């Protein structure tokens, strides 16, 4: 059954892929984005685009919408430590305004792009939804605050909501891929080295208690992630706030990612070992058992080489467009 959905932050990496998946599923999509970090060309052509801020959501939300998928957040961990006020203002204040607009318009279904950064440094892995939440950055804390807000909104006002907590999203979906500026994620940074745009990839610490000494992280293909968001729309029940981790259940080390990129791209990709970064846990892997059970989510693109290959294809295609 088709519906009409508002996608906040739909000009960004994950939001644009989710918007495209919604369109392919036959839904009507309205993208709201202020383009502070997103890109106008990332909005699917079939979507209605509104350039604006989520604080003004009441201007566009009305009872014709069946739900909201919320991606409009700042997400740079390092920046959040230096500029915490920016993250509290947008991620928390902006979401508060969005929830008020939804309440006023009678729109009672929400899927929230949360983060496994809400857990901080885990006591055990894979991380379960029952794990203690102790975020180590204002970014993670702002997302956790929003999750608490959503829980209260669901109990008090009948909102049906699902929060999806995930770590590293990677890969590409057709013309939709990762293009942050500045870039901080490992796979696109490694591919920049393969392109010759960067001399080497920095490996922050090679003495962790892991098989090869480098940090281990969970990587999810962006298309698998998008499918989870669509499934979450169907799982949102009035008055309930469901929280699901999304992950592949096993991680890949930094060195595994670099070596995989070498094979996929055919480039040597030099690496330089640097000092550990503060607050970097050795292993971060999320359990997706709840998502499998409650959403019926079955990721089908867990192969690291496939994830890197999709990202590489997008990276090369974008470079060709820029050079034309």
Protein backbone atom coordinates (compact mmCIF):
# COMPACT_ATOMS: atom_id res chain seq x y z
CA UNK A 1 0.00 0.00 0.00
CA UNK A 2 1.51 3.30 -1.07
CA UNK A 3 1.81 6.28 1.25
CA UNK A 4 3.18 9.80 1.48
CA UNK A 5 6.30 10.41 3.54
CA UNK A 6 8.44 13.33 4.61
CA UNK A 7 12.17 12.55 4.55
CA UNK A 8 14.13 15.10 6.56
CA UNK A 9 17.78 15.26 5.55
CA UNK A 10 16.89 13.50 2.32
CA UNK A 11 19.67 15.22 0.37
CA UNK A 12 22.31 13.46 2.48
CA UNK A 13 23.94 10.08 1.99
CA UNK A 14 21.57 7.73 3.83
CA UNK A 15 18.51 9.94 3.46
CA UNK A 16 18.82 10.06 -0.34
CA UNK A 17 19.12 6.27 -0.63
CA UNK A 18 16.09 5.78 1.62
CA UNK A 19 14.13 8.34 -0.40
CA UNK A 20 14.96 6.45 -3.60
CA UNK A 21 13.89 3.14 -2.04
CA UNK A 22 10.59 4.70 -0.96
CA UNK A 23 9.96 5.91 -4.51
CA UNK A 24 10.79 2.51 -5.97
CA UNK A 25 8.28 0.99 -3.54
CA UNK A 26 5.57 3.26 -4.97
CA UNK A 27 5.43 5.91 -2.26
CA UNK A 28 5.15 9.67 -2.62
CA UNK A 29 8.20 11.37 -1.14
CA UNK A 30 8.78 14.93 0.03
CA UNK A 31 12.40 15.72 0.93
CA UNK A 32 13.12 18.50 3.42
CA UNK A 33 16.77 19.56 3.65
CA UNK A 34 18.59 22.84 4.30
CA UNK A 35 21.57 21.63 2.20
CA UNK A 36 24.05 22.51 4.95
CA UNK A 37 25.65 19.09 4.49
CA UNK A 38 23.46 17.51 1.80
CA UNK A 39 23.48 18.01 -1.97
CA UNK A 40 20.59 19.10 -4.18
CA UNK A 41 21.57 16.58 -6.88
CA UNK A 42 21.28 13.83 -4.25
CA UNK A 43 17.51 14.27 -4.09
CA UNK A 44 15.69 11.75 -6.32
CA UNK A 45 14.11 13.41 -9.35
CA UNK A 46 10.71 11.92 -8.52
CA UNK A 47 10.68 13.45 -5.04
CA UNK A 48 9.28 16.86 -4.16
CA UNK A 49 12.11 18.94 -2.72
CA UNK A 50 11.75 21.65 -0.09
CA UNK A 51 14.85 23.61 0.88
CA UNK A 52 14.23 24.47 4.49
CA UNK A 53 14.94 23.75 8.13
CA UNK A 54 13.28 21.08 10.27
CA UNK A 55 12.38 23.81 12.76
CA UNK A 56 9.88 25.00 10.17
CA UNK A 57 8.33 21.55 9.64
CA UNK A 58 4.91 22.81 10.69
CA UNK A 59 4.85 24.85 7.48
CA UNK A 60 4.75 21.72 5.33
CA UNK A 61 3.44 18.88 7.50
CA UNK A 62 -0.26 18.20 7.23
CA UNK A 63 -2.61 15.23 7.74
CA UNK A 64 -1.95 13.97 4.18
CA UNK A 65 1.42 12.56 5.33
CA UNK A 66 1.53 8.97 6.53
CA UNK A 67 4.82 9.36 8.36
CA UNK A 68 8.25 10.93 8.71
CA UNK A 69 11.71 9.45 8.25
CA UNK A 70 14.15 11.67 10.13
CA UNK A 71 17.81 12.00 9.02
CA UNK A 72 18.36 15.74 9.51
CA UNK A 73 21.21 15.69 12.02
CA UNK A 74 24.81 16.77 12.25
CA UNK A 75 26.92 13.63 12.62
CA UNK A 76 30.63 14.46 12.97
CA UNK A 77 31.82 13.08 16.29
CA UNK A 78 34.96 15.21 16.41
CA UNK A 79 33.15 18.41 15.56
CA UNK A 80 30.55 17.70 18.24
CA UNK A 81 33.28 17.73 20.88
CA UNK A 82 34.49 21.17 19.72
CA UNK A 83 31.03 22.62 18.97
CA UNK A 84 28.59 20.79 21.25
CA UNK A 85 26.09 23.66 21.10
CA UNK A 86 25.67 23.08 17.34
CA UNK A 87 24.63 19.49 17.98
CA UNK A 88 22.27 20.20 20.84
CA UNK A 89 20.65 23.02 18.89
CA UNK A 90 20.04 21.10 15.66
CA UNK A 91 19.82 17.46 16.66
CA UNK A 92 17.78 17.97 19.82
CA UNK A 93 16.12 21.36 19.33
CA UNK A 94 15.33 20.65 15.69
CA UNK A 95 13.81 17.26 16.50
CA UNK A 96 11.72 18.78 19.27
CA UNK A 97 10.25 21.18 16.73
CA UNK A 98 9.67 18.30 14.30
CA UNK A 99 7.81 16.26 16.92
CA UNK A 100 5.62 19.26 17.73
CA UNK A 101 4.83 19.73 14.05
CA UNK A 102 3.95 16.04 13.69
CA UNK A 103 1.71 16.23 16.74
CA UNK A 104 -0.04 19.32 15.38
CA UNK A 105 -0.60 17.73 11.98
CA UNK A 106 -1.72 14.38 13.37
CA UNK A 107 1.16 12.53 11.70
CA UNK A 108 1.72 9.60 14.04
CA UNK A 109 4.47 7.47 12.49
CA UNK A 110 8.23 8.13 12.75
CA UNK A 111 11.40 6.29 11.80
CA UNK A 112 14.45 7.89 13.39
CA UNK A 113 18.02 7.51 12.18
CA UNK A 114 19.73 6.96 15.52
CA UNK A 115 23.24 5.67 16.13
CA UNK A 116 25.10 2.97 18.03
CA UNK A 117 27.26 5.84 19.34
CA UNK A 118 24.55 6.12 22.00
CA UNK A 119 26.19 3.14 23.73
CA UNK A 120 29.66 4.67 24.05
CA UNK A 121 32.39 2.14 24.80
CA UNK A 122 30.53 -1.18 25.09
CA UNK A 123 31.00 -3.59 27.96
CA UNK A 124 30.42 -6.51 25.62
CA UNK A 125 30.05 -7.18 21.89
CA UNK A 126 28.00 -7.75 19.86
CA UNK A 127 26.08 -4.83 21.38
CA UNK A 128 22.46 -5.50 22.35
CA UNK A 129 19.71 -2.89 22.72
CA UNK A 130 19.73 -3.64 26.46
CA UNK A 131 23.35 -2.49 26.78
CA UNK A 132 23.99 0.57 28.99
CA UNK A 133 23.91 3.87 27.11
CA UNK A 134 26.90 6.03 27.94
CA UNK A 135 27.82 8.10 24.87
CA UNK A 136 31.34 9.51 24.74
CA UNK A 137 30.58 12.51 22.51
CA UNK A 138 27.96 15.27 22.30
CA UNK A 139 26.91 13.71 18.98
CA UNK A 140 26.04 10.39 20.61
CA UNK A 141 24.49 12.18 23.58
CA UNK A 142 22.28 14.29 21.30
CA UNK A 143 20.98 11.19 19.54
CA UNK A 144 20.30 9.49 22.86
CA UNK A 145 18.41 12.57 24.04
CA UNK A 146 16.24 12.36 20.94
CA UNK A 147 15.53 8.69 21.61
CA UNK A 148 14.34 9.65 25.09
CA UNK A 149 12.16 12.39 23.59
CA UNK A 150 10.61 9.93 21.17
CA UNK A 151 9.85 7.45 23.97
CA UNK A 152 8.00 10.17 25.86
CA UNK A 153 6.14 11.29 22.75
CA UNK A 154 5.01 7.73 22.05
CA UNK A 155 3.73 7.16 25.60
CA UNK A 156 2.04 10.54 25.99
CA UNK A 157 0.69 11.18 22.51
CA UNK A 158 0.37 7.83 20.74
CA UNK A 159 3.29 8.22 18.33
CA UNK A 160 4.37 4.99 16.66
CA UNK A 161 8.14 5.14 16.32
CA UNK A 162 11.17 3.04 15.47
CA UNK A 163 14.76 4.15 16.16
CA UNK A 164 17.46 2.42 14.16
CA UNK A 165 20.93 2.41 15.72
CA UNK A 166 23.82 1.59 13.42
CA UNK A 167 27.54 2.22 13.08
CA UNK A 168 29.34 2.41 9.75
CA UNK A 169 27.22 2.72 6.63
CA UNK A 170 29.09 2.16 3.38
CA UNK A 171 28.69 1.30 -0.27
CA UNK A 172 26.50 3.05 -2.82
CA UNK A 173 23.18 2.59 -4.55
CA UNK A 174 23.36 3.59 -8.18
CA UNK A 175 24.03 7.31 -8.36
CA UNK A 176 23.57 7.72 -4.61
CA UNK A 177 26.74 7.42 -2.56
CA UNK A 178 28.91 8.87 0.16
CA UNK A 179 30.35 12.34 -0.42
CA UNK A 180 30.85 14.08 2.90
CA UNK A 181 32.91 17.24 3.06
CA UNK A 182 35.09 16.97 5.04
CA UNK A 183 35.24 13.19 4.83
CA UNK A 184 35.93 11.19 7.99
CA UNK A 185 34.79 7.65 7.13
CA UNK A 186 37.33 4.94 6.41
CA UNK A 187 36.12 3.45 3.11
CA UNK A 188 35.75 6.74 1.18
CA UNK A 189 39.08 7.92 2.61
CA UNK A 190 40.79 4.72 1.43
CA UNK A 191 39.24 5.20 -2.00
CA UNK A 192 40.55 8.76 -2.12
CA UNK A 193 44.05 7.27 -1.76
CA UNK A 194 43.29 4.90 -4.63
CA UNK A 195 42.23 7.90 -6.71
CA UNK A 196 45.44 9.75 -5.96
CA UNK A 197 43.62 12.48 -4.04
CA UNK A 198 45.40 11.57 -0.81
CA UNK A 199 48.92 10.18 -0.34
CA UNK A 200 48.21 7.48 2.23
CA UNK A 201 45.57 6.21 4.64
CA UNK A 202 46.21 6.78 8.34
CA UNK A 203 45.77 3.74 10.58
CA UNK A 204 45.14 5.06 14.08
CA UNK A 205 46.79 2.44 16.25
CA UNK A 206 47.96 -1.08 15.37
CA UNK A 207 48.34 -2.45 18.90
CA UNK A 208 44.71 -3.11 19.82
CA UNK A 209 43.71 -6.54 21.22
CA UNK A 210 42.34 -7.66 17.84
CA UNK A 211 43.60 -10.29 15.36
CA UNK A 212 45.72 -7.78 13.38
CA UNK A 213 46.05 -5.03 15.98
CA UNK A 214 43.73 -2.55 14.27
CA UNK A 215 40.21 -1.54 15.29
CA UNK A 216 37.30 -3.72 14.23
CA UNK A 217 34.07 -2.11 13.07
CA UNK A 218 30.70 -3.20 11.73
CA UNK A 219 29.92 -2.14 8.14
CA UNK A 220 26.41 -2.13 6.65
CA UNK A 221 25.62 -1.64 2.98
CA UNK A 222 23.53 1.50 2.54
CA UNK A 223 20.92 -0.39 0.51
CA UNK A 224 20.45 -2.94 3.31
CA UNK A 225 20.09 -0.02 5.69
CA UNK A 226 17.46 1.62 3.47
CA UNK A 227 15.44 -1.59 3.38
CA UNK A 228 15.44 -1.63 7.19
CA UNK A 229 13.94 1.85 7.25
CA UNK A 230 11.09 0.81 4.98
CA UNK A 231 10.43 -2.26 7.10
CA UNK A 232 10.43 -0.04 10.18
CA UNK A 233 7.55 2.00 8.77
CA UNK A 234 5.43 -1.14 8.82
CA UNK A 235 6.56 -2.03 12.35
CA UNK A 236 5.76 1.34 13.94
CA UNK A 237 2.87 0.73 16.35
CA UNK A 238 0.84 3.53 18.00
CA UNK A 239 2.08 4.34 21.49
CA UNK A 240 5.25 2.27 21.13
CA UNK A 241 8.89 3.18 20.56
CA UNK A 242 10.89 0.26 19.20
CA UNK A 243 14.68 0.51 19.22
CA UNK A 244 16.64 -1.76 16.91
CA UNK A 245 20.36 -2.11 16.31
CA UNK A 246 21.42 -2.69 12.73
CA UNK A 247 24.62 -4.54 11.98
CA UNK A 248 26.09 -7.52 10.22
CA UNK A 249 26.98 -9.18 13.51
CA UNK A 250 30.65 -9.44 12.65
CA UNK A 251 33.17 -6.73 12.01
CA UNK A 252 36.11 -5.98 9.76
CA UNK A 253 39.42 -4.52 10.90
CA UNK A 254 40.92 -1.35 9.47
CA UNK A 255 43.62 -3.43 7.78
CA UNK A 256 41.01 -5.79 6.29
CA UNK A 257 39.21 -2.79 4.78
CA UNK A 258 42.45 -1.41 3.33
CA UNK A 259 43.51 -4.77 1.90
CA UNK A 260 40.05 -5.33 0.41
CA UNK A 261 40.21 -1.89 -1.23
CA UNK A 262 43.59 -2.76 -2.72
CA UNK A 263 42.13 -5.88 -4.34
CA UNK A 264 38.98 -4.14 -5.56
CA UNK A 265 40.69 -1.05 -6.99
CA UNK A 266 43.98 -2.56 -8.13
CA UNK A 267 45.87 0.30 -6.43
CA UNK A 268 48.60 -0.14 -3.79
CA UNK A 269 47.02 2.27 -1.21
CA UNK A 270 49.94 3.12 1.12
CA UNK A 271 49.18 3.22 4.83
CA UNK A 272 50.77 5.14 7.68
CA UNK A 273 50.41 4.03 11.29
CA UNK A 274 49.46 6.94 13.55
CA UNK A 275 48.79 7.23 17.25
CA UNK A 276 45.54 5.93 18.65
CA UNK A 277 42.66 8.35 18.74
CA UNK A 278 41.13 9.02 22.13
CA UNK A 279 37.92 7.11 22.78
CA UNK A 280 38.38 4.56 19.98
CA UNK A 281 37.23 1.17 21.33
CA UNK A 282 38.98 -1.90 19.94
CA UNK A 283 35.79 -3.57 18.68
CA UNK A 284 32.37 -2.11 17.86
CA UNK A 285 29.92 -4.62 16.45
CA UNK A 286 26.14 -4.47 16.82
CA UNK A 287 23.74 -7.38 17.16
CA UNK A 288 20.81 -7.16 14.73
CA UNK A 289 18.78 -9.96 16.33
CA UNK A 290 15.95 -7.60 17.32
CA UNK A 291 15.75 -6.09 13.82
CA UNK A 292 15.62 -9.55 12.30
CA UNK A 293 12.85 -10.60 14.69
CA UNK A 294 10.75 -7.41 14.87
CA UNK A 295 11.28 -6.01 11.37
CA UNK A 296 11.97 -9.16 9.39
CA UNK A 297 15.24 -7.56 8.25
CA UNK A 298 17.71 -9.81 6.45
CA UNK A 299 20.72 -7.91 5.07
CA UNK A 300 21.91 -9.47 1.84
CA UNK A 301 25.00 -7.36 1.09
CA UNK A 302 27.31 -8.20 3.98
CA UNK A 303 30.32 -9.04 1.79
CA UNK A 304 33.02 -6.42 2.36
CA UNK A 305 34.39 -6.68 -1.18
CA UNK A 306 30.92 -5.98 -2.59
CA UNK A 307 30.45 -2.99 -0.31
CA UNK A 308 33.82 -1.53 -1.34
CA UNK A 309 33.20 -2.30 -5.02
CA UNK A 310 29.90 -0.39 -5.01
CA UNK A 311 31.55 2.56 -3.28
CA UNK A 312 34.45 2.48 -5.77
CA UNK A 313 32.09 2.48 -8.76
CA UNK A 314 30.26 5.50 -7.36
CA UNK A 315 33.53 7.29 -6.57
CA UNK A 316 34.90 6.80 -10.09
CA UNK A 317 31.62 7.79 -11.75
CA UNK A 318 31.47 10.98 -9.72
CA UNK A 319 35.08 11.81 -10.59
CA UNK A 320 34.26 11.43 -14.29
CA UNK A 321 31.30 13.82 -13.93
CA UNK A 322 33.45 16.40 -12.16
CA UNK A 323 36.15 16.19 -14.85
CA UNK A 324 33.74 16.51 -17.81
